Amino acid sequence: MTNLSLSETSLPRRRSLRAAVAAVAVACAVVACSPVSNGGDDNQSGDNQSAGQDSFGTPADPAAVKQGGKLVIALSAEPDALDPTLSRSLYSRYVFQAMCQKLYDVNEQAQVVPQLATALPTTSSDGRTVTIPLRQGARFADGTPFDSAAVKATIQRHLTHARSARKSELGPIDGVDTPDAQTVVLRLKQPFAPLLGALADRAGMIMSAKALQSLGDDFASAPVCVGPFKFAKRVPQNSIEVVKDPNYYETDKVHLDGISWRILSDASIRAANLRAGDAQVADSISTQDVASLRQEASISVLQSQSLGYQGLTINIGNVDGIGTAPKPINRPLAQNAKVRQAFEHAIDRKALVDAVFNGIHTAACSPISPASPFSSPEAQTCPAHDPAKAKQLLTEAGVQMPYTITMLASNTPDTLRLAQALQSMLKDGGFDLKINPVEYSSLLDEQDRGNFELLQLGWSGRIDPDANITNFVGTRASQNVSGYSNPQLDTLLTQARQAGDIEERKKLYGQAVTLLQQDDALIYLYRQRNLTAVSKQIQGLQVFPDGVIRAAFAGFTK
């Protein structure tokens, strides 16, 4: 399922994700009730660090890179719609990073920094009025000016579009005022702690009002934003290309003529293209290839601990499509939490991670990373692997064993290895897992329609835990493909959104995780490391904990 782009700051040599996320957690927690301040600069890091140590990449040295050339990125899955309002995949964020800047960004330390805004927001004492100053002189790729009217048009579209994936992210925005061309004022129904984090992602990507008016729902066919590059063409299931935008406000920092993302779903083929020089970057390299790639003198491996998770979503009530009212589904898995709990008890997460991913990823039982300042013992509680308990629960639920479940999964080799390992493991717990592999974009379509019983998919993660939870399990939330609804959980998540105190939010999220594990509409499996291989012909390519490849300010080495 499953942005950040900042090339000016340097990188820390060794810094834990907990320390990194803590810096922004304070900002995100306070944005609903008081002004926020920015963080500072850091030191530089090197390449090819050892397994388990973060290596984000470093900014390009302008004196050491050529001007021109096209960067080719071998991409593991096809992006969905190139429309910030509708997009929900990580892979579209790769493309957006190069051509659709945001009001705010997040740097490699997970600190929120201004991008199209000129400063962090100022918030009224009651937390209900948020004022954002905007950059002057910026232009969209179509030449029209970036101003408060464009910001208003974008946010209103996010809030009102029938298929918007951003509505839940923007919470209780009640109105948008534009006192002048360089100022936007957001009026909230109540304080909203996650707002800053949302504006540092797709909700903060501002689209050309002219393009929105002319293209409407077809915006993705020719997207127009502010960015170092502009959209050139897309060949479905093959490639996406962007070219340098002469309208960009800092065009002197853009070294490449263009970037091409080529869709290659097989990790071994991506690695082969990188080795052969047909691509300079390969995303999501297989854990099977990491060791050999690290040994190659011409290749760097960038890695970082993800903010997100991989999991299993169970269709509990998605009958008429995402965003519609949940309806009963006549299947024991959908109707009876004991069957879902049994399914979770049949899974040995550590064994999965060790067998399928060589121990590079880590087991996860929660949407909240242990490194997050919002984590707690309650948030990290993990139901034990207990096949006997799984069979007991199935007996109590009155279902016949083996109980058959069909899982929808993407058809990539790594995902299929995971699915097959699950299939074998679940037999001891009384389940017969059938696997239905499909192409990634088809998987997204099927999940939205509710055409699945069980789904394997993940989320790349955001700095504020609300963006990793509420959108997926809140009643009728914009990415709640399960059709799950629990009013008690909704109340906890709403309280956490309005709380300005980190400790209070931490307590509420711990309670939320307890409920999630009782209902088991979404079973969290593991937390991946972001793994990207880069040719040493390239400087300035970076990947932060959100997993997004930042290529906009990269260049070929002289």
Protein backbone atom coordinates (compact mmCIF):
# COMPACT_ATOMS: atom_id res chain seq x y z
CA MET A 1 0.00 0.00 0.00
CA THR A 2 1.87 2.05 0.74
CA ASN A 3 7.08 10.91 1.17
CA LEU A 4 9.71 12.92 2.10
CA SER A 5 12.20 14.80 0.03
CA LEU A 6 14.93 16.93 1.40
CA SER A 7 18.37 17.10 -0.12
CA GLU A 8 19.90 20.08 1.64
CA THR A 9 20.55 18.69 5.11
CA SER A 10 23.37 16.30 5.87
CA LEU A 11 22.93 12.97 7.59
CA PRO A 12 23.61 11.49 11.02
CA ARG A 13 26.28 8.81 11.19
CA ARG A 14 24.55 6.61 13.73
CA ARG A 15 21.22 7.52 15.18
CA SER A 16 18.45 5.28 16.44
CA LEU A 17 14.98 5.45 14.95
CA ARG A 18 13.63 6.11 18.44
CA ALA A 19 15.70 9.27 18.75
CA ALA A 20 14.81 10.32 15.23
CA VAL A 21 11.08 9.87 15.59
CA ALA A 22 11.06 11.42 19.05
CA ALA A 23 12.13 14.74 17.60
CA VAL A 24 9.08 14.97 15.39
CA ALA A 25 6.73 13.32 17.85
CA VAL A 26 6.95 16.33 20.08
CA ALA A 27 6.14 18.62 17.16
CA CYS A 28 3.24 16.48 15.99
CA ALA A 29 1.80 16.19 19.46
CA VAL A 30 1.87 19.90 20.09
CA VAL A 31 0.69 21.21 16.74
CA ALA A 32 -2.91 21.01 17.86
CA CYS A 33 -2.35 23.34 20.78
CA SER A 34 0.72 25.53 20.32
CA PRO A 35 3.36 26.76 17.86
CA VAL A 36 6.14 24.32 16.89
CA SER A 37 9.84 24.88 16.33
CA ASN A 38 12.19 23.37 13.78
CA GLY A 39 15.19 21.11 14.38
CA GLY A 40 18.80 21.61 13.29
CA ASP A 41 21.45 20.12 11.02
CA ASP A 42 23.45 16.91 11.48
CA ASN A 43 26.62 15.16 10.41
CA GLN A 44 27.37 13.10 7.32
CA SER A 45 27.24 9.32 7.02
CA GLY A 46 28.84 6.79 4.69
CA ASP A 47 27.63 4.00 2.40
CA ASN A 48 27.40 0.21 2.70
CA GLN A 49 27.07 0.06 6.44
CA SER A 50 26.76 -3.30 8.13
CA ALA A 51 23.51 -5.18 8.44
CA GLY A 52 21.16 -3.52 10.92
CA GLN A 53 22.81 -0.10 10.74
CA ASP A 54 20.93 2.67 8.98
CA SER A 55 22.43 4.08 5.79
CA PHE A 56 20.23 6.78 4.25
CA GLY A 57 22.60 8.00 1.50
CA THR A 58 24.12 11.47 1.32
CA PRO A 59 23.26 14.65 -0.62
CA ALA A 60 25.09 15.14 -3.92
CA ASP A 61 28.19 17.32 -4.06
CA PRO A 62 27.32 19.82 -6.84
CA ALA A 63 30.98 20.02 -7.86
CA ALA A 64 31.21 16.23 -8.26
CA VAL A 65 28.15 15.52 -10.42
CA LYS A 66 27.47 16.00 -14.12
CA GLN A 67 24.64 18.09 -15.45
CA GLY A 68 22.17 16.02 -17.45
CA GLY A 69 21.40 12.39 -18.01
CA LYS A 70 18.40 10.20 -17.27
CA LEU A 71 18.25 8.18 -14.08
CA VAL A 72 16.61 4.75 -14.42
CA ILE A 73 15.00 3.25 -11.31
CA ALA A 74 13.94 -0.40 -11.37
CA LEU A 75 10.63 -0.36 -9.49
CA SER A 76 9.10 -3.39 -7.77
CA ALA A 77 5.45 -2.57 -8.44
CA GLU A 78 3.40 -0.24 -10.57
CA PRO A 79 2.25 2.97 -8.86
CA ASP A 80 -1.46 3.55 -8.60
CA ALA A 81 -3.10 6.83 -9.68
CA LEU A 82 -0.68 9.79 -9.86
CA ASP A 83 -3.26 11.90 -8.06
CA PRO A 84 -2.42 13.02 -4.48
CA THR A 85 -6.09 12.91 -3.52
CA LEU A 86 -6.61 9.32 -4.65
CA SER A 87 -3.20 7.66 -4.39
CA ARG A 88 -2.63 5.00 -1.75
CA SER A 89 0.52 3.13 -2.81
CA LEU A 90 4.11 3.62 -1.70
CA TYR A 91 5.26 3.46 -5.31
CA SER A 92 3.29 6.52 -6.39
CA ARG A 93 5.06 8.41 -3.60
CA TYR A 94 8.39 7.70 -5.31
CA VAL A 95 7.15 9.57 -8.38
CA PHE A 96 5.46 12.32 -6.38
CA GLN A 97 8.72 12.99 -4.55
CA ALA A 98 10.23 14.18 -7.81
CA MET A 99 7.32 16.23 -9.09
CA CYS A 100 4.79 17.06 -6.34
CA GLN A 101 6.20 18.97 -3.40
CA LYS A 102 4.29 19.40 -0.15
CA LEU A 103 3.61 22.11 2.37
CA TYR A 104 5.95 20.25 4.74
CA ASP A 105 8.49 17.50 4.44
CA VAL A 106 10.27 15.15 6.80
CA ASN A 107 14.05 14.88 6.87
CA GLU A 108 16.24 11.86 7.59
CA GLN A 109 15.87 12.49 11.33
CA ALA A 110 12.08 12.32 11.02
CA GLN A 111 11.85 16.05 11.77
CA VAL A 112 9.11 18.04 10.05
CA VAL A 113 10.56 20.88 7.97
CA PRO A 114 8.96 23.46 5.65
CA GLN A 115 8.90 22.80 1.92
CA LEU A 116 6.24 24.86 0.10
CA ALA A 117 5.48 26.51 3.42
CA THR A 118 8.12 28.89 4.77
CA ALA A 119 7.75 28.01 8.45
CA LEU A 120 6.04 25.48 10.67
CA PRO A 121 2.40 26.31 11.48
CA THR A 122 1.29 28.72 14.16
CA THR A 123 -1.66 27.34 16.14
CA SER A 124 -4.15 29.28 18.23
CA SER A 125 -4.36 28.70 21.98
CA ASP A 126 -7.56 26.65 21.58
CA GLY A 127 -5.92 24.47 18.91
CA ARG A 128 -8.61 25.20 16.34
CA THR A 129 -6.92 27.70 14.03
CA VAL A 130 -3.74 26.77 12.16
CA THR A 131 -1.92 29.45 10.12
CA ILE A 132 0.57 28.44 7.41
CA PRO A 133 2.88 30.94 5.63
CA LEU A 134 3.61 30.03 2.00
CA ARG A 135 6.64 30.26 -0.25
CA GLN A 136 6.61 33.19 -2.70
CA GLY A 137 7.63 32.96 -6.34
CA ALA A 138 7.03 29.24 -6.84
CA ARG A 139 5.21 28.09 -9.97
CA PHE A 140 3.44 24.95 -11.01
CA ALA A 141 4.68 22.98 -13.99
CA ASP A 142 1.98 24.64 -16.12
CA GLY A 143 3.40 28.08 -15.25
CA THR A 144 0.57 29.16 -12.96
CA PRO A 145 1.54 30.64 -9.58
CA PHE A 146 1.64 28.64 -6.38
CA ASP A 147 -0.47 30.56 -3.87
CA SER A 148 -3.05 30.25 -1.12
CA ALA A 149 -5.88 29.79 -3.64
CA ALA A 150 -4.16 26.67 -4.99
CA VAL A 151 -3.67 25.32 -1.46
CA LYS A 152 -7.35 25.90 -0.70
CA ALA A 153 -8.46 24.18 -3.92
CA THR A 154 -6.30 21.15 -3.14
CA ILE A 155 -7.41 20.76 0.46
CA GLN A 156 -11.06 21.19 -0.45
CA ARG A 157 -10.68 18.47 -3.08
CA HIS A 158 -9.03 16.17 -0.53
CA LEU A 159 -11.98 16.72 1.81
CA THR A 160 -14.83 16.43 -0.68
CA HIS A 161 -13.82 14.01 -3.44
CA ALA A 162 -15.97 10.88 -3.23
CA ARG A 163 -12.94 8.59 -3.55
CA SER A 164 -10.50 10.66 -1.53
CA ALA A 165 -7.88 8.73 0.43
CA ARG A 166 -6.95 11.93 2.28
CA LYS A 167 -10.21 12.84 4.00
CA SER A 168 -9.54 10.82 7.15
CA GLU A 169 -5.96 12.12 7.28
CA LEU A 170 -7.13 15.73 7.42
CA GLY A 171 -9.53 15.08 10.27
CA PRO A 172 -11.75 17.88 11.50
CA ILE A 173 -10.86 20.67 9.05
CA ASP A 174 -13.98 22.83 8.90
CA GLY A 175 -12.82 25.48 6.47
CA VAL A 176 -9.89 27.04 4.63
CA ASP A 177 -9.31 30.80 4.60
CA THR A 178 -6.92 32.74 2.36
CA PRO A 179 -6.33 36.18 3.91
CA ASP A 180 -3.66 36.84 1.27
CA ALA A 181 -1.78 35.00 -1.48
CA GLN A 182 0.96 33.81 0.87
CA THR A 183 -1.15 32.75 3.87
CA VAL A 184 -3.52 29.85 4.47
CA VAL A 185 -5.60 29.48 7.61
CA LEU A 186 -7.14 26.11 8.46
CA ARG A 187 -10.16 26.19 10.74
CA LEU A 188 -10.69 23.01 12.79
CA LYS A 189 -13.76 21.73 14.59
CA GLN A 190 -11.49 20.55 17.38
CA PRO A 191 -7.74 20.24 17.99
CA PHE A 192 -6.05 17.69 15.74
CA ALA A 193 -2.61 16.48 16.79
CA PRO A 194 -1.77 14.52 13.58
CA LEU A 195 -2.32 17.48 11.22
CA LEU A 196 1.33 18.44 10.79
CA GLY A 197 2.30 14.88 9.93
CA ALA A 198 -0.51 14.69 7.36
CA LEU A 199 0.61 17.90 5.66
CA ALA A 200 4.10 16.39 5.35
CA ASP A 201 2.65 13.65 3.15
CA ARG A 202 0.18 13.40 0.26
CA ALA A 203 -2.41 15.57 2.00
CA GLY A 204 0.13 18.39 1.77
CA MET A 205 0.90 17.94 -1.96
CA ILE A 206 -0.52 20.97 -3.72
CA MET A 207 -1.98 20.59 -7.21
CA SER A 208 -2.41 23.21 -9.92
CA ALA A 209 -5.90 24.69 -9.64
CA LYS A 210 -5.91 25.18 -13.42
CA ALA A 211 -5.12 21.50 -14.01
CA LEU A 212 -7.71 20.40 -11.46
CA GLN A 213 -10.35 22.46 -13.20
CA SER A 214 -9.49 21.24 -16.69
CA LEU A 215 -8.80 17.58 -15.89
CA GLY A 216 -11.10 16.90 -12.95
CA ASP A 217 -11.12 13.19 -12.13
CA ASP A 218 -8.57 12.62 -14.92
CA PHE A 219 -5.88 14.62 -13.10
CA ALA A 220 -3.71 11.50 -12.86
CA SER A 221 -3.44 11.36 -16.66
CA ALA A 222 -1.37 14.56 -16.70
CA PRO A 223 -0.60 15.59 -13.09
CA VAL A 224 0.62 19.15 -12.50
CA CYS A 225 2.34 20.17 -9.27
CA VAL A 226 5.32 22.19 -8.03
CA GLY A 227 8.50 20.15 -8.19
CA PRO A 228 12.00 19.66 -9.62
CA PHE A 229 10.51 17.53 -12.41
CA LYS A 230 7.26 17.46 -14.36
CA PHE A 231 5.24 14.58 -15.74
CA ALA A 232 6.17 13.44 -19.26
CA LYS A 233 4.49 10.10 -19.97
CA ARG A 234 3.27 6.83 -18.56
CA VAL A 235 3.15 3.44 -20.25
CA PRO A 236 0.85 1.29 -18.08
CA GLN A 237 2.56 -1.72 -16.46
CA ASN A 238 5.84 -0.61 -18.01
CA SER A 239 7.23 2.80 -17.07
CA ILE A 240 6.71 6.38 -15.89
CA GLU A 241 8.90 9.27 -17.00
CA VAL A 242 9.42 12.81 -15.75
CA VAL A 243 11.62 15.59 -17.13
CA LYS A 244 13.30 18.55 -15.49
CA ASP A 245 10.87 21.43 -14.92
CA PRO A 246 12.29 24.85 -15.88
CA ASN A 247 9.59 26.48 -13.70
CA TYR A 248 10.97 24.97 -10.51
CA TYR A 249 12.06 27.63 -8.01
CA GLU A 250 15.46 26.01 -7.33
CA THR A 251 16.23 24.57 -10.74
CA ASP A 252 19.98 25.09 -10.18
CA LYS A 253 19.85 22.23 -7.64
CA VAL A 254 18.42 19.80 -10.21
CA HIS A 255 21.19 17.92 -12.04
CA LEU A 256 19.33 15.26 -14.03
CA ASP A 257 17.43 15.81 -17.29
CA GLY A 258 14.90 13.16 -16.38
CA ILE A 259 13.97 10.12 -14.31
CA SER A 260 12.40 6.89 -15.56
CA TRP A 261 10.78 4.33 -13.27
CA ARG A 262 10.63 0.92 -14.96
CA ILE A 263 8.30 -1.69 -13.51
CA LEU A 264 10.16 -4.93 -12.76
CA SER A 265 8.29 -6.96 -10.16
CA ASP A 266 10.94 -9.70 -9.81
CA ALA A 267 13.67 -8.64 -7.35
CA SER A 268 16.29 -10.81 -9.07
CA ILE A 269 15.59 -9.08 -12.40
CA ARG A 270 15.86 -5.67 -10.74
CA ALA A 271 19.22 -6.67 -9.28
CA ALA A 272 20.36 -8.02 -12.67
CA ASN A 273 19.41 -4.73 -14.37
CA LEU A 274 21.40 -2.83 -11.75
CA ARG A 275 24.47 -5.04 -12.20
CA ALA A 276 24.25 -4.72 -16.00
CA GLY A 277 23.97 -0.93 -15.87
CA ASP A 278 20.48 -0.89 -17.41
CA ALA A 279 19.24 0.72 -14.19
CA GLN A 280 21.10 2.79 -11.61
CA VAL A 281 18.72 2.12 -8.73
CA ALA A 282 16.74 -0.96 -7.62
CA ASP A 283 14.05 -0.53 -4.98
CA SER A 284 12.92 -3.15 -2.45
CA ILE A 285 15.79 -5.52 -3.06
CA SER A 286 15.19 -9.04 -1.84
CA THR A 287 16.65 -10.06 1.49
CA GLN A 288 18.05 -13.01 -0.49
CA ASP A 289 20.23 -10.60 -2.52
CA VAL A 290 21.42 -8.20 0.19
CA ALA A 291 24.64 -9.99 1.12
CA SER A 292 25.85 -10.44 -2.46
CA LEU A 293 25.01 -6.86 -3.46
CA ARG A 294 26.91 -5.52 -0.46
CA GLN A 295 30.02 -7.29 -1.75
CA GLU A 296 29.98 -5.51 -5.11
CA ALA A 297 32.39 -2.59 -5.33
CA SER A 298 30.18 -0.67 -7.78
CA ILE A 299 26.98 -0.83 -5.69
CA SER A 300 25.82 0.73 -2.42
CA VAL A 301 22.97 -0.68 -0.34
CA LEU A 302 20.87 1.90 1.51
CA GLN A 303 18.86 0.63 4.44
CA SER A 304 16.70 1.92 7.26
CA GLN A 305 14.13 0.60 9.69
CA SER A 306 10.63 1.18 8.33
CA LEU A 307 8.02 3.23 10.15
CA GLY A 308 5.36 0.87 8.81
CA TYR A 309 4.38 -2.78 8.86
CA GLN A 310 3.31 -5.74 6.76
CA GLY A 311 0.12 -7.47 7.78
CA LEU A 312 -2.95 -9.51 6.96
CA THR A 313 -6.30 -7.76 6.52
CA ILE A 314 -9.51 -9.76 6.99
CA ASN A 315 -12.68 -8.71 5.21
CA ILE A 316 -15.20 -8.29 8.00
CA GLY A 317 -17.76 -5.99 6.39
CA ASN A 318 -16.53 -4.57 3.06
CA VAL A 319 -19.43 -5.66 0.86
CA ASP A 320 -20.15 -2.60 -1.28
CA GLY A 321 -16.66 -1.14 -1.54
CA ILE A 322 -14.33 0.95 0.57
CA GLY A 323 -15.94 3.85 2.43
CA THR A 324 -19.44 2.35 2.40
CA ALA A 325 -21.34 1.25 5.49
CA PRO A 326 -20.14 -2.15 6.77
CA LYS A 327 -22.49 -5.08 6.12
CA PRO A 328 -22.49 -8.62 7.49
CA ILE A 329 -20.49 -11.25 5.59
CA ASN A 330 -21.64 -14.84 5.94
CA ARG A 331 -18.26 -16.42 6.69
CA PRO A 332 -17.00 -17.62 10.10
CA LEU A 333 -13.77 -15.67 9.59
CA ALA A 334 -15.77 -12.45 9.18
CA GLN A 335 -18.41 -13.17 11.80
CA ASN A 336 -16.47 -14.68 14.69
CA ALA A 337 -13.47 -13.04 16.37
CA LYS A 338 -12.47 -16.43 17.79
CA VAL A 339 -11.69 -17.68 14.28
CA ARG A 340 -9.52 -14.62 13.63
CA GLN A 341 -7.79 -15.00 17.00
CA ALA A 342 -7.14 -18.64 16.17
CA PHE A 343 -5.57 -17.57 12.90
CA GLU A 344 -3.21 -15.23 14.73
CA HIS A 345 -2.24 -17.88 17.29
CA ALA A 346 -1.33 -20.20 14.40
CA ILE A 347 1.34 -17.76 13.18
CA ASP A 348 4.94 -17.86 14.37
CA ARG A 349 6.16 -14.40 13.38
CA LYS A 350 9.82 -14.89 14.28
CA ALA A 351 10.01 -18.15 12.37
CA LEU A 352 8.49 -16.41 9.34
CA VAL A 353 10.97 -13.55 9.46
CA ASP A 354 13.93 -15.89 9.93
CA ALA A 355 12.92 -18.36 7.24
CA VAL A 356 11.62 -15.99 4.58
CA PHE A 357 13.72 -12.86 5.14
CA ASN A 358 16.95 -14.24 6.64
CA GLY A 359 16.18 -12.45 9.89
CA ILE A 360 16.68 -9.02 8.28
CA HIS A 361 13.13 -7.84 9.02
CA THR A 362 11.64 -7.92 12.54
CA ALA A 363 8.44 -9.44 13.91
CA ALA A 364 5.62 -6.98 14.62
CA CYS A 365 2.33 -7.33 16.46
CA SER A 366 1.21 -3.71 16.39
CA PRO A 367 0.93 -0.69 14.06
CA ILE A 368 3.19 1.22 16.48
CA SER A 369 6.92 0.72 16.12
CA PRO A 370 8.79 -0.12 19.34
CA ALA A 371 11.08 2.81 18.43
CA SER A 372 8.18 5.27 18.49
CA PRO A 373 7.84 7.61 21.48
CA PHE A 374 4.15 6.65 21.36
CA SER A 375 4.98 3.01 22.09
CA SER A 376 4.19 1.29 25.38
CA PRO A 377 4.19 -2.25 26.80
CA GLU A 378 0.50 -2.49 25.88
CA ALA A 379 1.25 -1.43 22.30
CA GLN A 380 3.93 -4.12 21.97
CA THR A 381 1.99 -7.04 23.50
CA CYS A 382 2.14 -9.99 21.13
CA PRO A 383 -0.28 -12.95 21.08
CA ALA A 384 1.76 -16.11 21.47
CA HIS A 385 2.31 -18.65 18.72
CA ASP A 386 0.14 -21.48 20.04
CA PRO A 387 -1.28 -23.96 17.47
CA ALA A 388 -3.10 -25.89 20.21
CA LYS A 389 -4.83 -22.69 21.33
CA ALA A 390 -5.72 -21.98 17.69
CA LYS A 391 -7.45 -25.36 17.36
CA GLN A 392 -9.23 -24.86 20.69
CA LEU A 393 -10.63 -21.52 19.51
CA LEU A 394 -11.76 -23.03 16.20
CA THR A 395 -13.55 -25.78 18.14
CA GLU A 396 -15.24 -23.18 20.35
CA ALA A 397 -16.30 -21.29 17.22
CA GLY A 398 -17.91 -24.45 15.87
CA VAL A 399 -16.03 -24.60 12.59
CA GLN A 400 -14.75 -27.74 10.92
CA MET A 401 -10.99 -28.25 10.62
CA PRO A 402 -9.07 -27.71 8.53
CA TYR A 403 -10.79 -24.37 8.04
CA THR A 404 -10.13 -23.09 4.51
CA ILE A 405 -9.23 -19.44 3.85
CA THR A 406 -8.25 -17.85 0.53
CA MET A 407 -5.61 -15.12 0.70
CA LEU A 408 -5.14 -12.43 -1.95
CA ALA A 409 -1.48 -11.48 -2.35
CA SER A 410 0.76 -9.72 -4.86
CA ASN A 411 2.57 -11.99 -7.29
CA THR A 412 6.12 -10.92 -6.44
CA PRO A 413 8.57 -13.72 -5.56
CA ASP A 414 9.21 -12.45 -2.01
CA THR A 415 5.49 -12.16 -1.27
CA LEU A 416 4.84 -15.61 -2.66
CA ARG A 417 7.58 -17.07 -0.47
CA LEU A 418 5.93 -15.42 2.53
CA ALA A 419 2.51 -16.74 1.49
CA GLN A 420 3.82 -20.29 1.04
CA ALA A 421 5.57 -20.20 4.43
CA LEU A 422 2.31 -19.04 6.02
CA GLN A 423 0.43 -21.76 4.19
CA SER A 424 2.69 -24.44 5.64
CA MET A 425 2.75 -22.94 9.13
CA LEU A 426 -1.01 -22.54 9.47
CA LYS A 427 -1.70 -26.25 8.97
CA ASP A 428 -0.64 -27.00 12.55
CA GLY A 429 -3.23 -24.52 13.79
CA GLY A 430 -6.14 -26.08 11.89
CA PHE A 431 -6.17 -23.90 8.77
CA ASP A 432 -5.91 -24.65 5.07
CA LEU A 433 -4.64 -21.49 3.36
CA LYS A 434 -5.22 -21.07 -0.37
CA ILE A 435 -3.16 -18.42 -2.19
CA ASN A 436 -4.54 -16.19 -4.94
CA PRO A 437 -1.60 -14.20 -6.41
CA VAL A 438 -2.39 -11.12 -8.52
CA GLU A 439 -0.52 -8.13 -9.95
CA TYR A 440 -0.12 -5.31 -7.42
CA SER A 441 -2.43 -2.73 -9.02
CA SER A 442 -5.12 -5.40 -9.42
CA LEU A 443 -4.72 -6.26 -5.76
CA LEU A 444 -5.45 -2.64 -4.83
CA ASP A 445 -8.58 -2.64 -7.00
CA GLU A 446 -9.84 -5.91 -5.54
CA GLN A 447 -9.28 -4.81 -1.94
CA ASP A 448 -11.19 -1.58 -2.54
CA ARG A 449 -14.15 -3.48 -3.97
CA GLY A 450 -14.14 -5.93 -1.08
CA ASN A 451 -13.42 -8.87 -3.38
CA PHE A 452 -11.31 -10.78 -0.89
CA GLU A 453 -11.51 -12.91 2.23
CA LEU A 454 -7.96 -12.35 3.46
CA LEU A 455 -5.40 -9.92 2.06
CA GLN A 456 -1.64 -9.63 2.49
CA LEU A 457 -0.47 -6.03 2.21
CA GLY A 458 1.50 -3.51 4.20
CA TRP A 459 1.93 0.17 4.92
CA SER A 460 5.15 2.12 4.58
CA GLY A 461 4.46 4.10 7.75
CA ARG A 462 4.23 7.70 8.90
CA ILE A 463 5.79 9.65 11.74
CA ASP A 464 2.50 10.13 13.62
CA PRO A 465 0.86 6.85 14.74
CA ASP A 466 -2.59 8.14 13.83
CA ALA A 467 -1.68 7.83 10.14
CA ASN A 468 -0.70 4.20 10.71
CA ILE A 469 -3.91 3.30 12.53
CA THR A 470 -7.04 5.40 12.06
CA ASN A 471 -7.13 5.36 8.27
CA PHE A 472 -7.15 1.56 8.29
CA VAL A 473 -9.35 0.60 11.23
CA GLY A 474 -11.52 3.66 11.95
CA THR A 475 -15.15 3.19 10.95
CA ARG A 476 -15.55 4.06 7.24
CA ALA A 477 -12.05 5.54 7.17
CA SER A 478 -10.55 6.22 3.76
CA GLN A 479 -8.33 3.11 3.73
CA ASN A 480 -10.42 0.76 5.87
CA VAL A 481 -10.69 -2.01 3.29
CA SER A 482 -11.70 -4.51 5.98
CA GLY A 483 -15.05 -2.86 6.60
CA TYR A 484 -14.19 -3.10 10.29
CA SER A 485 -16.10 -0.99 12.80
CA ASN A 486 -15.73 -0.75 16.57
CA PRO A 487 -17.26 2.37 18.20
CA GLN A 488 -15.11 1.89 21.31
CA LEU A 489 -11.97 1.95 19.17
CA ASP A 490 -13.24 5.01 17.27
CA THR A 491 -13.63 6.85 20.57
CA LEU A 492 -10.08 6.03 21.66
CA LEU A 493 -8.62 7.12 18.32
CA THR A 494 -10.60 10.37 18.36
CA GLN A 495 -9.39 11.13 21.88
CA ALA A 496 -5.79 10.44 20.79
CA ARG A 497 -6.21 12.80 17.84
CA GLN A 498 -7.32 15.60 20.12
CA ALA A 499 -4.82 15.03 22.93
CA GLY A 500 -1.85 17.38 23.01
CA ASP A 501 0.15 15.36 25.51
CA ILE A 502 2.39 12.52 24.29
CA GLU A 503 1.90 10.44 27.44
CA GLU A 504 -1.86 10.67 27.11
CA ARG A 505 -1.70 9.65 23.46
CA LYS A 506 0.65 6.78 24.34
CA LYS A 507 -1.87 5.44 26.88
CA LEU A 508 -4.76 5.73 24.42
CA TYR A 509 -2.86 3.95 21.65
CA GLY A 510 -1.98 1.14 24.03
CA GLN A 511 -5.69 0.69 24.75
CA ALA A 512 -6.41 0.81 21.02
CA VAL A 513 -3.91 -1.97 20.30
CA THR A 514 -5.58 -4.12 22.97
CA LEU A 515 -8.90 -3.75 21.17
CA LEU A 516 -7.33 -4.38 17.77
CA GLN A 517 -5.88 -7.66 19.00
CA GLN A 518 -9.22 -8.73 20.42
CA ASP A 519 -11.03 -8.11 17.13
CA ASP A 520 -8.13 -9.07 14.79
CA ALA A 521 -9.48 -7.40 11.66
CA LEU A 522 -5.86 -6.58 10.83
CA ILE A 523 -3.12 -8.95 11.97
CA TYR A 524 0.33 -7.33 12.02
CA LEU A 525 3.16 -9.64 10.93
CA TYR A 526 6.50 -7.90 10.61
CA ARG A 527 8.29 -4.58 10.25
CA GLN A 528 10.51 -4.46 7.18
CA ARG A 529 13.83 -2.76 6.62
CA ASN A 530 13.86 -0.44 3.61
CA LEU A 531 16.45 -1.90 1.23
CA THR A 532 17.54 0.00 -1.89
CA ALA A 533 20.54 -0.76 -4.09
CA VAL A 534 22.26 2.13 -5.89
CA SER A 535 25.01 2.28 -8.49
CA LYS A 536 28.03 4.27 -7.33
CA GLN A 537 27.74 6.15 -10.63
CA ILE A 538 25.00 8.08 -8.80
CA GLN A 539 25.35 10.64 -6.04
CA GLY A 540 22.64 12.23 -3.94
CA LEU A 541 20.06 9.46 -3.92
CA GLN A 542 18.57 9.03 -0.43
CA VAL A 543 16.04 6.80 1.30
CA PHE A 544 14.69 7.70 4.75
CA PRO A 545 12.66 5.54 7.19
CA ASP A 546 9.45 6.12 5.19
CA GLY A 547 10.99 4.02 2.40
CA VAL A 548 10.54 6.66 -0.31
CA ILE A 549 13.38 6.92 -2.83
CA ARG A 550 14.50 10.54 -3.06
CA ALA A 551 16.00 10.97 -6.51
CA ALA A 552 15.07 14.56 -7.36
CA PHE A 553 18.47 16.05 -6.51
CA ALA A 554 20.66 13.10 -7.51
CA GLY A 555 23.18 13.20 -10.34
CA PHE A 556 25.71 11.13 -12.26
CA THR A 557 29.24 11.25 -10.88
CA LYS A 558 31.72 13.13 -13.07
